[in-house]
Full PDB file with SEQRES, HELIX, SHEET, SSBOND, CRYST1, ORIGX, SCALE, CONECT and MASTER records, all heavy atoms in Angstrom:
SEQRES   1 A   41  CYS ASP PRO TYR GLN PRO ILE GLU GLU LYS TYR ARG LEU          
SEQRES   2 A   41  ILE ARG LYS CYS LEU GLU VAL PHE LEU GLU PHE PRO LEU          
SEQRES   3 A   41  LEU GLU ILE GLU LEU MET VAL LEU THR LYS SER THR LEU          
SEQRES   4 A   41  VAL LEU                                                      
HELIX    1 AA1 GLU A    8  TYR A   11  1                                   4    
HELIX    2 AA2 LEU A   13  PHE A   21  1                                   9    
HELIX    3 AA3 PRO A   25  LEU A   27  5                                   3    
HELIX    4 AA4 THR A   38  VAL A   40  5                                   3    
CRYST1    1.000    1.000    1.000  90.00  90.00  90.00 P 1           1          
ORIGX1      1.000000  0.000000  0.000000        0.00000                         
ORIGX2      0.000000  1.000000  0.000000        0.00000                         
ORIGX3      0.000000  0.000000  1.000000        0.00000                         
SCALE1      1.000000  0.000000  0.000000        0.00000                         
SCALE2      0.000000  1.000000  0.000000        0.00000                         
SCALE3      0.000000  0.000000  1.000000        0.00000                         
ATOM      1  N   CYS A   1     -10.994   5.542  -1.900  1.00  0.00           N  
ATOM      2  CA  CYS A   1     -10.234   6.577  -1.198  1.00  0.00           C  
ATOM      3  C   CYS A   1      -8.871   6.688  -1.861  1.00  0.00           C  
ATOM      4  O   CYS A   1      -8.498   5.822  -2.650  1.00  0.00           O  
ATOM      5  CB  CYS A   1     -10.051   6.226   0.288  1.00  0.00           C  
ATOM      6  SG  CYS A   1      -9.031   4.751   0.559  1.00  0.00           S  
ATOM      7  N   ASP A   2      -8.143   7.734  -1.532  1.00  0.00           N  
ATOM      8  CA  ASP A   2      -6.728   7.771  -1.877  1.00  0.00           C  
ATOM      9  C   ASP A   2      -6.007   7.021  -0.768  1.00  0.00           C  
ATOM     10  O   ASP A   2      -6.029   7.447   0.394  1.00  0.00           O  
ATOM     11  CB  ASP A   2      -6.225   9.218  -1.940  1.00  0.00           C  
ATOM     12  CG  ASP A   2      -4.803   9.307  -2.487  1.00  0.00           C  
ATOM     13  OD1 ASP A   2      -3.979   8.423  -2.162  1.00  0.00           O  
ATOM     14  OD2 ASP A   2      -4.507  10.262  -3.213  1.00  0.00           O  
ATOM     15  N   PRO A   3      -5.373   5.886  -1.073  1.00  0.00           N  
ATOM     16  CA  PRO A   3      -4.758   5.088  -0.015  1.00  0.00           C  
ATOM     17  C   PRO A   3      -3.622   5.803   0.711  1.00  0.00           C  
ATOM     18  O   PRO A   3      -3.258   5.422   1.824  1.00  0.00           O  
ATOM     19  CB  PRO A   3      -4.242   3.851  -0.752  1.00  0.00           C  
ATOM     20  CG  PRO A   3      -4.048   4.314  -2.160  1.00  0.00           C  
ATOM     21  CD  PRO A   3      -5.144   5.308  -2.406  1.00  0.00           C  
ATOM     22  N   TYR A   4      -3.079   6.856   0.080  1.00  0.00           N  
ATOM     23  CA  TYR A   4      -1.976   7.601   0.694  1.00  0.00           C  
ATOM     24  C   TYR A   4      -2.398   9.006   1.124  1.00  0.00           C  
ATOM     25  O   TYR A   4      -1.562   9.900   1.208  1.00  0.00           O  
ATOM     26  CB  TYR A   4      -0.784   7.661  -0.257  1.00  0.00           C  
ATOM     27  CG  TYR A   4      -0.042   6.349  -0.345  1.00  0.00           C  
ATOM     28  CD1 TYR A   4      -0.292   5.460  -1.385  1.00  0.00           C  
ATOM     29  CD2 TYR A   4       0.880   5.979   0.627  1.00  0.00           C  
ATOM     30  CE1 TYR A   4       0.372   4.236  -1.465  1.00  0.00           C  
ATOM     31  CE2 TYR A   4       1.543   4.765   0.558  1.00  0.00           C  
ATOM     32  CZ  TYR A   4       1.292   3.905  -0.501  1.00  0.00           C  
ATOM     33  OH  TYR A   4       1.948   2.692  -0.564  1.00  0.00           O  
ATOM     34  N   GLN A   5      -3.685   9.177   1.429  1.00  0.00           N  
ATOM     35  CA  GLN A   5      -4.116  10.444   1.997  1.00  0.00           C  
ATOM     36  C   GLN A   5      -3.444  10.624   3.359  1.00  0.00           C  
ATOM     37  O   GLN A   5      -2.905   9.661   3.929  1.00  0.00           O  
ATOM     38  CB  GLN A   5      -5.638  10.485   2.110  1.00  0.00           C  
ATOM     39  CG  GLN A   5      -6.232   9.422   3.030  1.00  0.00           C  
ATOM     40  CD  GLN A   5      -7.752   9.495   3.063  1.00  0.00           C  
ATOM     41  OE1 GLN A   5      -8.319  10.509   3.418  1.00  0.00           O  
ATOM     42  NE2 GLN A   5      -8.414   8.411   2.653  1.00  0.00           N  
ATOM     43  N   PRO A   6      -3.425  11.845   3.913  1.00  0.00           N  
ATOM     44  CA  PRO A   6      -2.623  12.132   5.118  1.00  0.00           C  
ATOM     45  C   PRO A   6      -2.796  11.172   6.285  1.00  0.00           C  
ATOM     46  O   PRO A   6      -1.835  10.895   7.006  1.00  0.00           O  
ATOM     47  CB  PRO A   6      -3.083  13.543   5.493  1.00  0.00           C  
ATOM     48  CG  PRO A   6      -3.418  14.168   4.194  1.00  0.00           C  
ATOM     49  CD  PRO A   6      -4.060  13.072   3.378  1.00  0.00           C  
ATOM     50  N   ILE A   7      -3.982  10.611   6.469  1.00  0.00           N  
ATOM     51  CA  ILE A   7      -4.221   9.724   7.605  1.00  0.00           C  
ATOM     52  C   ILE A   7      -3.356   8.459   7.541  1.00  0.00           C  
ATOM     53  O   ILE A   7      -3.060   7.833   8.568  1.00  0.00           O  
ATOM     54  CB  ILE A   7      -5.721   9.359   7.689  1.00  0.00           C  
ATOM     55  CG1 ILE A   7      -6.064   8.837   9.077  1.00  0.00           C  
ATOM     56  CG2 ILE A   7      -6.110   8.382   6.601  1.00  0.00           C  
ATOM     57  CD1 ILE A   7      -7.555   8.652   9.296  1.00  0.00           C  
ATOM     58  N   GLU A   8      -2.920   8.087   6.324  1.00  0.00           N  
ATOM     59  CA  GLU A   8      -2.073   6.912   6.162  1.00  0.00           C  
ATOM     60  C   GLU A   8      -0.727   7.085   6.858  1.00  0.00           C  
ATOM     61  O   GLU A   8      -0.105   6.106   7.285  1.00  0.00           O  
ATOM     62  CB  GLU A   8      -1.870   6.620   4.667  1.00  0.00           C  
ATOM     63  CG  GLU A   8      -0.769   5.617   4.325  1.00  0.00           C  
ATOM     64  CD  GLU A   8      -1.018   4.203   4.825  1.00  0.00           C  
ATOM     65  OE1 GLU A   8      -2.150   3.901   5.261  1.00  0.00           O  
ATOM     66  OE2 GLU A   8      -0.071   3.397   4.797  1.00  0.00           O  
ATOM     67  N   GLU A   9      -0.283   8.320   7.005  1.00  0.00           N  
ATOM     68  CA  GLU A   9       0.991   8.568   7.680  1.00  0.00           C  
ATOM     69  C   GLU A   9       0.939   8.086   9.122  1.00  0.00           C  
ATOM     70  O   GLU A   9       1.940   7.627   9.678  1.00  0.00           O  
ATOM     71  CB  GLU A   9       1.332  10.058   7.630  1.00  0.00           C  
ATOM     72  CG  GLU A   9       2.779  10.356   7.930  1.00  0.00           C  
ATOM     73  CD  GLU A   9       3.190  11.737   7.460  1.00  0.00           C  
ATOM     74  OE1 GLU A   9       2.334  12.516   6.990  1.00  0.00           O  
ATOM     75  OE2 GLU A   9       4.391  12.039   7.576  1.00  0.00           O  
ATOM     76  N   LYS A  10      -0.249   8.165   9.723  1.00  0.00           N  
ATOM     77  CA  LYS A  10      -0.419   7.711  11.108  1.00  0.00           C  
ATOM     78  C   LYS A  10      -0.689   6.212  11.183  1.00  0.00           C  
ATOM     79  O   LYS A  10      -0.031   5.492  11.941  1.00  0.00           O  
ATOM     80  CB  LYS A  10      -1.567   8.466  11.759  1.00  0.00           C  
ATOM     81  CG  LYS A  10      -1.935   7.940  13.139  1.00  0.00           C  
ATOM     82  CD  LYS A  10      -3.137   8.659  13.731  1.00  0.00           C  
ATOM     83  CE  LYS A  10      -3.506   8.059  15.087  1.00  0.00           C  
ATOM     84  NZ  LYS A  10      -4.704   8.720  15.684  1.00  0.00           N  
ATOM     85  N   TYR A  11      -1.646   5.715  10.376  1.00  0.00           N  
ATOM     86  CA  TYR A  11      -2.095   4.327  10.522  1.00  0.00           C  
ATOM     87  C   TYR A  11      -1.252   3.317   9.743  1.00  0.00           C  
ATOM     88  O   TYR A  11      -1.231   2.138  10.080  1.00  0.00           O  
ATOM     89  CB  TYR A  11      -3.566   4.215  10.103  1.00  0.00           C  
ATOM     90  CG  TYR A  11      -4.514   4.701  11.166  1.00  0.00           C  
ATOM     91  CD1 TYR A  11      -5.003   5.993  11.156  1.00  0.00           C  
ATOM     92  CD2 TYR A  11      -4.911   3.858  12.206  1.00  0.00           C  
ATOM     93  CE1 TYR A  11      -5.880   6.446  12.133  1.00  0.00           C  
ATOM     94  CE2 TYR A  11      -5.787   4.295  13.188  1.00  0.00           C  
ATOM     95  CZ  TYR A  11      -6.271   5.581  13.151  1.00  0.00           C  
ATOM     96  OH  TYR A  11      -7.128   6.031  14.133  1.00  0.00           O  
ATOM     97  N   ARG A  12      -0.633   3.738   8.637  1.00  0.00           N  
ATOM     98  CA  ARG A  12       0.265   2.884   7.856  1.00  0.00           C  
ATOM     99  C   ARG A  12      -0.421   1.591   7.385  1.00  0.00           C  
ATOM    100  O   ARG A  12       0.200   0.535   7.292  1.00  0.00           O  
ATOM    101  CB  ARG A  12       1.520   2.554   8.673  1.00  0.00           C  
ATOM    102  CG  ARG A  12       2.281   3.789   9.108  1.00  0.00           C  
ATOM    103  CD  ARG A  12       3.380   3.459  10.115  1.00  0.00           C  
ATOM    104  NE  ARG A  12       4.472   2.693   9.529  1.00  0.00           N  
ATOM    105  CZ  ARG A  12       5.503   3.217   8.909  1.00  0.00           C  
ATOM    106  NH1 ARG A  12       5.616   4.531   8.775  1.00  0.00           N  
ATOM    107  NH2 ARG A  12       6.460   2.452   8.406  1.00  0.00           N  
ATOM    108  N   LEU A  13      -1.697   1.681   7.069  1.00  0.00           N  
ATOM    109  CA  LEU A  13      -2.450   0.479   6.690  1.00  0.00           C  
ATOM    110  C   LEU A  13      -2.048  -0.048   5.318  1.00  0.00           C  
ATOM    111  O   LEU A  13      -1.954  -1.269   5.126  1.00  0.00           O  
ATOM    112  CB  LEU A  13      -3.952   0.763   6.714  1.00  0.00           C  
ATOM    113  CG  LEU A  13      -4.557   1.067   8.086  1.00  0.00           C  
ATOM    114  CD1 LEU A  13      -6.070   1.223   7.977  1.00  0.00           C  
ATOM    115  CD2 LEU A  13      -4.225  -0.030   9.099  1.00  0.00           C  
ATOM    116  N   ILE A  14      -1.805   0.845   4.363  1.00  0.00           N  
ATOM    117  CA  ILE A  14      -1.380   0.379   3.048  1.00  0.00           C  
ATOM    118  C   ILE A  14      -0.010  -0.286   3.139  1.00  0.00           C  
ATOM    119  O   ILE A  14       0.237  -1.317   2.511  1.00  0.00           O  
ATOM    120  CB  ILE A  14      -1.363   1.536   2.033  1.00  0.00           C  
ATOM    121  CG1 ILE A  14      -2.756   1.738   1.463  1.00  0.00           C  
ATOM    122  CG2 ILE A  14      -0.396   1.285   0.889  1.00  0.00           C  
ATOM    123  CD1 ILE A  14      -3.257   0.600   0.574  1.00  0.00           C  
ATOM    124  N   ARG A  15       0.876   0.288   3.923  1.00  0.00           N  
ATOM    125  CA  ARG A  15       2.189  -0.342   4.087  1.00  0.00           C  
ATOM    126  C   ARG A  15       2.058  -1.737   4.694  1.00  0.00           C  
ATOM    127  O   ARG A  15       2.699  -2.690   4.253  1.00  0.00           O  
ATOM    128  CB  ARG A  15       3.105   0.525   4.947  1.00  0.00           C  
ATOM    129  CG  ARG A  15       4.518  -0.058   5.046  1.00  0.00           C  
ATOM    130  CD  ARG A  15       5.523   0.864   5.685  1.00  0.00           C  
ATOM    131  NE  ARG A  15       6.838   0.229   5.726  1.00  0.00           N  
ATOM    132  CZ  ARG A  15       7.741   0.263   4.759  1.00  0.00           C  
ATOM    133  NH1 ARG A  15       7.480   0.910   3.644  1.00  0.00           N  
ATOM    134  NH2 ARG A  15       8.907  -0.349   4.875  1.00  0.00           N  
ATOM    135  N   LYS A  16       1.195  -1.859   5.707  1.00  0.00           N  
ATOM    136  CA  LYS A  16       0.976  -3.169   6.328  1.00  0.00           C  
ATOM    137  C   LYS A  16       0.418  -4.164   5.319  1.00  0.00           C  
ATOM    138  O   LYS A  16       0.787  -5.341   5.313  1.00  0.00           O  
ATOM    139  CB  LYS A  16       0.033  -3.024   7.518  1.00  0.00           C  
ATOM    140  CG  LYS A  16       0.632  -2.279   8.701  1.00  0.00           C  
ATOM    141  CD  LYS A  16      -0.394  -2.108   9.810  1.00  0.00           C  
ATOM    142  CE  LYS A  16       0.183  -1.309  10.979  1.00  0.00           C  
ATOM    143  NZ  LYS A  16      -0.842  -1.098  12.050  1.00  0.00           N  
ATOM    144  N   CYS A  17      -0.484  -3.686   4.443  1.00  0.00           N  
ATOM    145  CA  CYS A  17      -1.056  -4.576   3.431  1.00  0.00           C  
ATOM    146  C   CYS A  17      -0.001  -4.996   2.410  1.00  0.00           C  
ATOM    147  O   CYS A  17       0.044  -6.159   1.986  1.00  0.00           O  
ATOM    148  CB  CYS A  17      -2.225  -3.884   2.731  1.00  0.00           C  
ATOM    149  SG  CYS A  17      -3.722  -3.746   3.753  1.00  0.00           S  
ATOM    150  N   LEU A  18       0.856  -4.070   2.007  1.00  0.00           N  
ATOM    151  CA  LEU A  18       1.938  -4.412   1.084  1.00  0.00           C  
ATOM    152  C   LEU A  18       2.852  -5.469   1.695  1.00  0.00           C  
ATOM    153  O   LEU A  18       3.306  -6.396   1.010  1.00  0.00           O  
ATOM    154  CB  LEU A  18       2.735  -3.160   0.728  1.00  0.00           C  
ATOM    155  CG  LEU A  18       2.014  -2.118  -0.138  1.00  0.00           C  
ATOM    156  CD1 LEU A  18       2.833  -0.829  -0.205  1.00  0.00           C  
ATOM    157  CD2 LEU A  18       1.745  -2.647  -1.534  1.00  0.00           C  
ATOM    158  N   GLU A  19       3.116  -5.338   2.989  1.00  0.00           N  
ATOM    159  CA  GLU A  19       3.944  -6.327   3.680  1.00  0.00           C  
ATOM    160  C   GLU A  19       3.271  -7.693   3.691  1.00  0.00           C  
ATOM    161  O   GLU A  19       3.940  -8.736   3.583  1.00  0.00           O  
ATOM    162  CB  GLU A  19       4.237  -5.848   5.102  1.00  0.00           C  
ATOM    163  CG  GLU A  19       5.184  -4.650   5.146  1.00  0.00           C  
ATOM    164  CD  GLU A  19       5.301  -4.029   6.525  1.00  0.00           C  
ATOM    165  OE1 GLU A  19       4.409  -4.278   7.378  1.00  0.00           O  
ATOM    166  OE2 GLU A  19       6.275  -3.294   6.763  1.00  0.00           O  
ATOM    167  N   VAL A  20       1.937  -7.715   3.790  1.00  0.00           N  
ATOM    168  CA  VAL A  20       1.204  -8.983   3.731  1.00  0.00           C  
ATOM    169  C   VAL A  20       1.344  -9.608   2.347  1.00  0.00           C  
ATOM    170  O   VAL A  20       1.580 -10.816   2.220  1.00  0.00           O  
ATOM    171  CB  VAL A  20      -0.288  -8.779   4.095  1.00  0.00           C  
ATOM    172  CG1 VAL A  20      -1.088 -10.056   3.803  1.00  0.00           C  
ATOM    173  CG2 VAL A  20      -0.434  -8.402   5.563  1.00  0.00           C  
ATOM    174  N   PHE A  21       1.196  -8.811   1.303  1.00  0.00           N  
ATOM    175  CA  PHE A  21       1.353  -9.344  -0.060  1.00  0.00           C  
ATOM    176  C   PHE A  21       2.733  -9.963  -0.255  1.00  0.00           C  
ATOM    177  O   PHE A  21       2.879 -10.982  -0.932  1.00  0.00           O  
ATOM    178  CB  PHE A  21       1.126  -8.241  -1.098  1.00  0.00           C  
ATOM    179  CG  PHE A  21      -0.319  -7.914  -1.339  1.00  0.00           C  
ATOM    180  CD1 PHE A  21      -0.811  -6.649  -1.044  1.00  0.00           C  
ATOM    181  CD2 PHE A  21      -1.184  -8.862  -1.875  1.00  0.00           C  
ATOM    182  CE1 PHE A  21      -2.148  -6.335  -1.273  1.00  0.00           C  
ATOM    183  CE2 PHE A  21      -2.518  -8.560  -2.103  1.00  0.00           C  
ATOM    184  CZ  PHE A  21      -3.006  -7.293  -1.798  1.00  0.00           C  
ATOM    185  N   LEU A  22       3.740  -9.378   0.362  1.00  0.00           N  
ATOM    186  CA  LEU A  22       5.101  -9.910   0.247  1.00  0.00           C  
ATOM    187  C   LEU A  22       5.264 -11.263   0.933  1.00  0.00           C  
ATOM    188  O   LEU A  22       6.236 -11.972   0.675  1.00  0.00           O  
ATOM    189  CB  LEU A  22       6.097  -8.903   0.831  1.00  0.00           C  
ATOM    190  CG  LEU A  22       6.441  -7.711  -0.073  1.00  0.00           C  
ATOM    191  CD1 LEU A  22       7.210  -6.651   0.705  1.00  0.00           C  
ATOM    192  CD2 LEU A  22       7.244  -8.163  -1.290  1.00  0.00           C  
ATOM    193  N   GLU A  23       4.314 -11.619   1.781  1.00  0.00           N  
ATOM    194  CA  GLU A  23       4.359 -12.926   2.440  1.00  0.00           C  
ATOM    195  C   GLU A  23       3.979 -14.060   1.485  1.00  0.00           C  
ATOM    196  O   GLU A  23       4.156 -15.237   1.812  1.00  0.00           O  
ATOM    197  CB  GLU A  23       3.398 -12.942   3.638  1.00  0.00           C  
ATOM    198  CG  GLU A  23       3.789 -12.003   4.766  1.00  0.00           C  
ATOM    199  CD  GLU A  23       2.720 -11.970   5.869  1.00  0.00           C  
ATOM    200  OE1 GLU A  23       1.837 -12.851   5.860  1.00  0.00           O  
ATOM    201  OE2 GLU A  23       2.780 -11.055   6.710  1.00  0.00           O  
ATOM    202  N   PHE A  24       3.451 -13.707   0.297  1.00  0.00           N  
ATOM    203  CA  PHE A  24       2.957 -14.724  -0.630  1.00  0.00           C  
ATOM    204  C   PHE A  24       3.621 -14.582  -2.005  1.00  0.00           C  
ATOM    205  O   PHE A  24       2.941 -14.386  -3.021  1.00  0.00           O  
ATOM    206  CB  PHE A  24       1.436 -14.595  -0.774  1.00  0.00           C  
ATOM    207  CG  PHE A  24       0.677 -14.793   0.505  1.00  0.00           C  
ATOM    208  CD1 PHE A  24       0.416 -13.702   1.339  1.00  0.00           C  
ATOM    209  CD2 PHE A  24       0.236 -16.045   0.885  1.00  0.00           C  
ATOM    210  CE1 PHE A  24      -0.288 -13.873   2.525  1.00  0.00           C  
ATOM    211  CE2 PHE A  24      -0.475 -16.230   2.064  1.00  0.00           C  
ATOM    212  CZ  PHE A  24      -0.731 -15.145   2.894  1.00  0.00           C  
ATOM    213  N   PRO A  25       4.948 -14.670  -2.074  1.00  0.00           N  
ATOM    214  CA  PRO A  25       5.655 -14.452  -3.352  1.00  0.00           C  
ATOM    215  C   PRO A  25       5.295 -15.471  -4.428  1.00  0.00           C  
ATOM    216  O   PRO A  25       5.321 -15.156  -5.616  1.00  0.00           O  
ATOM    217  CB  PRO A  25       7.132 -14.554  -2.955  1.00  0.00           C  
ATOM    218  CG  PRO A  25       7.131 -15.400  -1.713  1.00  0.00           C  
ATOM    219  CD  PRO A  25       5.887 -15.024  -0.985  1.00  0.00           C  
ATOM    220  N   LEU A  26       4.961 -16.685  -4.041  1.00  0.00           N  
ATOM    221  CA  LEU A  26       4.676 -17.728  -5.029  1.00  0.00           C  
ATOM    222  C   LEU A  26       3.370 -17.488  -5.775  1.00  0.00           C  
ATOM    223  O   LEU A  26       3.191 -17.982  -6.895  1.00  0.00           O  
ATOM    224  CB  LEU A  26       4.651 -19.101  -4.349  1.00  0.00           C  
ATOM    225  CG  LEU A  26       5.973 -19.569  -3.731  1.00  0.00           C  
ATOM    226  CD1 LEU A  26       5.805 -20.950  -3.105  1.00  0.00           C  
ATOM    227  CD2 LEU A  26       7.081 -19.607  -4.782  1.00  0.00           C  
ATOM    228  N   LEU A  27       2.455 -16.743  -5.178  1.00  0.00           N  
ATOM    229  CA  LEU A  27       1.190 -16.454  -5.855  1.00  0.00           C  
ATOM    230  C   LEU A  27       1.361 -15.418  -6.964  1.00  0.00           C  
ATOM    231  O   LEU A  27       0.538 -15.334  -7.870  1.00  0.00           O  
ATOM    232  CB  LEU A  27       0.145 -15.963  -4.845  1.00  0.00           C  
ATOM    233  CG  LEU A  27      -0.371 -16.989  -3.829  1.00  0.00           C  
ATOM    234  CD1 LEU A  27      -1.418 -16.343  -2.924  1.00  0.00           C  
ATOM    235  CD2 LEU A  27      -0.974 -18.194  -4.545  1.00  0.00           C  
ATOM    236  N   GLU A  28       2.428 -14.614  -6.881  1.00  0.00           N  
ATOM    237  CA  GLU A  28       2.711 -13.575  -7.875  1.00  0.00           C  
ATOM    238  C   GLU A  28       1.472 -12.731  -8.177  1.00  0.00           C  
ATOM    239  O   GLU A  28       1.051 -12.571  -9.331  1.00  0.00           O  
ATOM    240  CB  GLU A  28       3.271 -14.196  -9.162  1.00  0.00           C  
ATOM    241  CG  GLU A  28       4.643 -14.819  -8.962  1.00  0.00           C  
ATOM    242  CD  GLU A  28       5.319 -15.180 -10.277  1.00  0.00           C  
ATOM    243  OE1 GLU A  28       4.669 -15.044 -11.340  1.00  0.00           O  
ATOM    244  OE2 GLU A  28       6.488 -15.594 -10.241  1.00  0.00           O  
ATOM    245  N   ILE A  29       0.875 -12.208  -7.136  1.00  0.00           N  
ATOM    246  CA  ILE A  29      -0.314 -11.364  -7.264  1.00  0.00           C  
ATOM    247  C   ILE A  29       0.085 -10.048  -7.936  1.00  0.00           C  
ATOM    248  O   ILE A  29       1.064  -9.413  -7.549  1.00  0.00           O  
ATOM    249  CB  ILE A  29      -0.934 -11.086  -5.884  1.00  0.00           C  
ATOM    250  CG1 ILE A  29      -1.311 -12.406  -5.206  1.00  0.00           C  
ATOM    251  CG2 ILE A  29      -2.158 -10.179  -6.004  1.00  0.00           C  
ATOM    252  CD1 ILE A  29      -1.629 -12.260  -3.727  1.00  0.00           C  
ATOM    253  N   GLU A  30      -0.680  -9.644  -8.942  1.00  0.00           N  
ATOM    254  CA  GLU A  30      -0.414  -8.379  -9.620  1.00  0.00           C  
ATOM    255  C   GLU A  30      -1.128  -7.256  -8.870  1.00  0.00           C  
ATOM    256  O   GLU A  30      -2.333  -7.331  -8.622  1.00  0.00           O  
ATOM    257  CB  GLU A  30      -0.902  -8.432 -11.063  1.00  0.00           C  
ATOM    258  CG  GLU A  30      -0.544  -7.188 -11.854  1.00  0.00           C  
ATOM    259  CD  GLU A  30      -0.928  -7.288 -13.316  1.00  0.00           C  
ATOM    260  OE1 GLU A  30      -1.336  -8.382 -13.751  1.00  0.00           O  
ATOM    261  OE2 GLU A  30      -0.811  -6.265 -14.020  1.00  0.00           O  
ATOM    262  N   LEU A  31      -0.393  -6.207  -8.527  1.00  0.00           N  
ATOM    263  CA  LEU A  31      -0.945  -5.096  -7.757  1.00  0.00           C  
ATOM    264  C   LEU A  31      -0.913  -3.804  -8.558  1.00  0.00           C  
ATOM    265  O   LEU A  31       0.034  -3.529  -9.281  1.00  0.00           O  
ATOM    266  CB  LEU A  31      -0.147  -4.889  -6.463  1.00  0.00           C  
ATOM    267  CG  LEU A  31      -0.054  -6.051  -5.485  1.00  0.00           C  
ATOM    268  CD1 LEU A  31       0.818  -5.653  -4.294  1.00  0.00           C  
ATOM    269  CD2 LEU A  31      -1.421  -6.481  -5.005  1.00  0.00           C  
ATOM    270  N   MET A  32      -1.962  -3.025  -8.390  1.00  0.00           N  
ATOM    271  CA  MET A  32      -2.003  -1.661  -8.918  1.00  0.00           C  
ATOM    272  C   MET A  32      -2.299  -0.736  -7.752  1.00  0.00           C  
ATOM    273  O   MET A  32      -3.303  -0.912  -7.050  1.00  0.00           O  
ATOM    274  CB  MET A  32      -3.075  -1.507  -9.989  1.00  0.00           C  
ATOM    275  CG  MET A  32      -3.402  -0.051 -10.334  1.00  0.00           C  
ATOM    276  SD  MET A  32      -2.013   0.861 -11.074  1.00  0.00           S  
ATOM    277  CE  MET A  32      -2.116   0.303 -12.770  1.00  0.00           C  
ATOM    278  N   VAL A  33      -1.432   0.231  -7.527  1.00  0.00           N  
ATOM    279  CA  VAL A  33      -1.636   1.236  -6.486  1.00  0.00           C  
ATOM    280  C   VAL A  33      -1.911   2.566  -7.179  1.00  0.00           C  
ATOM    281  O   VAL A  33      -1.166   2.958  -8.076  1.00  0.00           O  
ATOM    282  CB  VAL A  33      -0.392   1.367  -5.581  1.00  0.00           C  
ATOM    283  CG1 VAL A  33      -0.610   2.463  -4.548  1.00  0.00           C  
ATOM    284  CG2 VAL A  33      -0.093   0.044  -4.893  1.00  0.00           C  
ATOM    285  N   LEU A  34      -2.978   3.247  -6.771  1.00  0.00           N  
ATOM    286  CA  LEU A  34      -3.330   4.520  -7.395  1.00  0.00           C  
ATOM    287  C   LEU A  34      -3.467   5.608  -6.342  1.00  0.00           C  
ATOM    288  O   LEU A  34      -4.163   5.429  -5.343  1.00  0.00           O  
ATOM    289  CB  LEU A  34      -4.644   4.390  -8.161  1.00  0.00           C  
ATOM    290  CG  LEU A  34      -5.137   5.660  -8.873  1.00  0.00           C  
ATOM    291  CD1 LEU A  34      -4.123   6.114  -9.920  1.00  0.00           C  
ATOM    292  CD2 LEU A  34      -6.491   5.416  -9.512  1.00  0.00           C  
ATOM    293  N   THR A  35      -2.797   6.747  -6.572  1.00  0.00           N  
ATOM    294  CA  THR A  35      -2.796   7.823  -5.585  1.00  0.00           C  
ATOM    295  C   THR A  35      -2.560   9.178  -6.259  1.00  0.00           C  
ATOM    296  O   THR A  35      -2.218   9.246  -7.447  1.00  0.00           O  
ATOM    297  CB  THR A  35      -1.704   7.571  -4.531  1.00  0.00           C  
ATOM    298  OG1 THR A  35      -1.761   8.591  -3.525  1.00  0.00           O  
ATOM    299  CG2 THR A  35      -0.318   7.581  -5.155  1.00  0.00           C  
ATOM    300  N   LYS A  36      -2.720  10.230  -5.485  1.00  0.00           N  
ATOM    301  CA  LYS A  36      -2.322  11.578  -5.897  1.00  0.00           C  
ATOM    302  C   LYS A  36      -1.292  12.129  -4.929  1.00  0.00           C  
ATOM    303  O   LYS A  36      -0.969  13.310  -4.978  1.00  0.00           O  
ATOM    304  CB  LYS A  36      -3.540  12.513  -5.891  1.00  0.00           C  
ATOM    305  CG  LYS A  36      -4.602  12.180  -6.912  1.00  0.00           C  
ATOM    306  CD  LYS A  36      -5.779  13.145  -6.806  1.00  0.00           C  
ATOM    307  CE  LYS A  36      -6.775  12.862  -7.919  1.00  0.00           C  
ATOM    308  NZ  LYS A  36      -8.139  12.753  -7.420  1.00  0.00           N  
ATOM    309  N   SER A  37      -0.756  11.282  -4.059  1.00  0.00           N  
ATOM    310  CA  SER A  37       0.050  11.744  -2.934  1.00  0.00           C  
ATOM    311  C   SER A  37       1.533  11.414  -3.074  1.00  0.00           C  
ATOM    312  O   SER A  37       1.912  10.336  -3.550  1.00  0.00           O  
ATOM    313  CB  SER A  37      -0.481  11.116  -1.639  1.00  0.00           C  
ATOM    314  OG  SER A  37       0.365  11.414  -0.557  1.00  0.00           O  
ATOM    315  N   THR A  38       2.366  12.312  -2.573  1.00  0.00           N  
ATOM    316  CA  THR A  38       3.813  12.068  -2.539  1.00  0.00           C  
ATOM    317  C   THR A  38       4.183  11.049  -1.448  1.00  0.00           C  
ATOM    318  O   THR A  38       5.283  10.506  -1.465  1.00  0.00           O  
ATOM    319  CB  THR A  38       4.571  13.375  -2.266  1.00  0.00           C  
ATOM    320  OG1 THR A  38       4.143  13.925  -1.006  1.00  0.00           O  
ATOM    321  CG2 THR A  38       4.308  14.394  -3.367  1.00  0.00           C  
ATOM    322  N   LEU A  39       3.265  10.787  -0.528  1.00  0.00           N  
ATOM    323  CA  LEU A  39       3.535   9.834   0.557  1.00  0.00           C  
ATOM    324  C   LEU A  39       3.817   8.439   0.028  1.00  0.00           C  
ATOM    325  O   LEU A  39       4.458   7.625   0.689  1.00  0.00           O  
ATOM    326  CB  LEU A  39       2.360   9.803   1.539  1.00  0.00           C  
ATOM    327  CG  LEU A  39       2.486   8.890   2.771  1.00  0.00           C  
ATOM    328  CD1 LEU A  39       3.704   9.272   3.609  1.00  0.00           C  
ATOM    329  CD2 LEU A  39       1.211   8.936   3.602  1.00  0.00           C  
ATOM    330  N   VAL A  40       3.381   8.165  -1.201  1.00  0.00           N  
ATOM    331  CA  VAL A  40       3.587   6.846  -1.786  1.00  0.00           C  
ATOM    332  C   VAL A  40       5.072   6.476  -1.840  1.00  0.00           C  
ATOM    333  O   VAL A  40       5.435   5.292  -1.764  1.00  0.00           O  
ATOM    334  CB  VAL A  40       2.955   6.789  -3.205  1.00  0.00           C  
ATOM    335  CG1 VAL A  40       3.696   7.682  -4.176  1.00  0.00           C  
ATOM    336  CG2 VAL A  40       2.883   5.367  -3.719  1.00  0.00           C  
ATOM    337  N   LEU A  41       5.956   7.468  -1.927  1.00  0.00           N  
ATOM    338  CA  LEU A  41       7.395   7.176  -1.991  1.00  0.00           C  
ATOM    339  C   LEU A  41       7.923   6.579  -0.691  1.00  0.00           C  
ATOM    340  O   LEU A  41       8.994   5.973  -0.678  1.00  0.00           O  
ATOM    341  CB  LEU A  41       8.172   8.442  -2.332  1.00  0.00           C  
ATOM    342  CG  LEU A  41       7.995   8.971  -3.760  1.00  0.00           C  
ATOM    343  CD1 LEU A  41       8.796  10.253  -3.956  1.00  0.00           C  
ATOM    344  CD2 LEU A  41       8.400   7.925  -4.788  1.00  0.00           C  
TER     345      LEU A  41                                                      
MASTER        0    0    0    4    0    0    0    6  344    1    0    4          
END                                                                             
């Protein structure tokens, strides 16, 4: 899916997941986010 399709504005699931990744700074997980949406900003 596009993680930033319009429904994300309501559910904010990608944002919640990004916040979870930030809980584990020592693991230094490499992330790639792919979208076609301006909501990513």
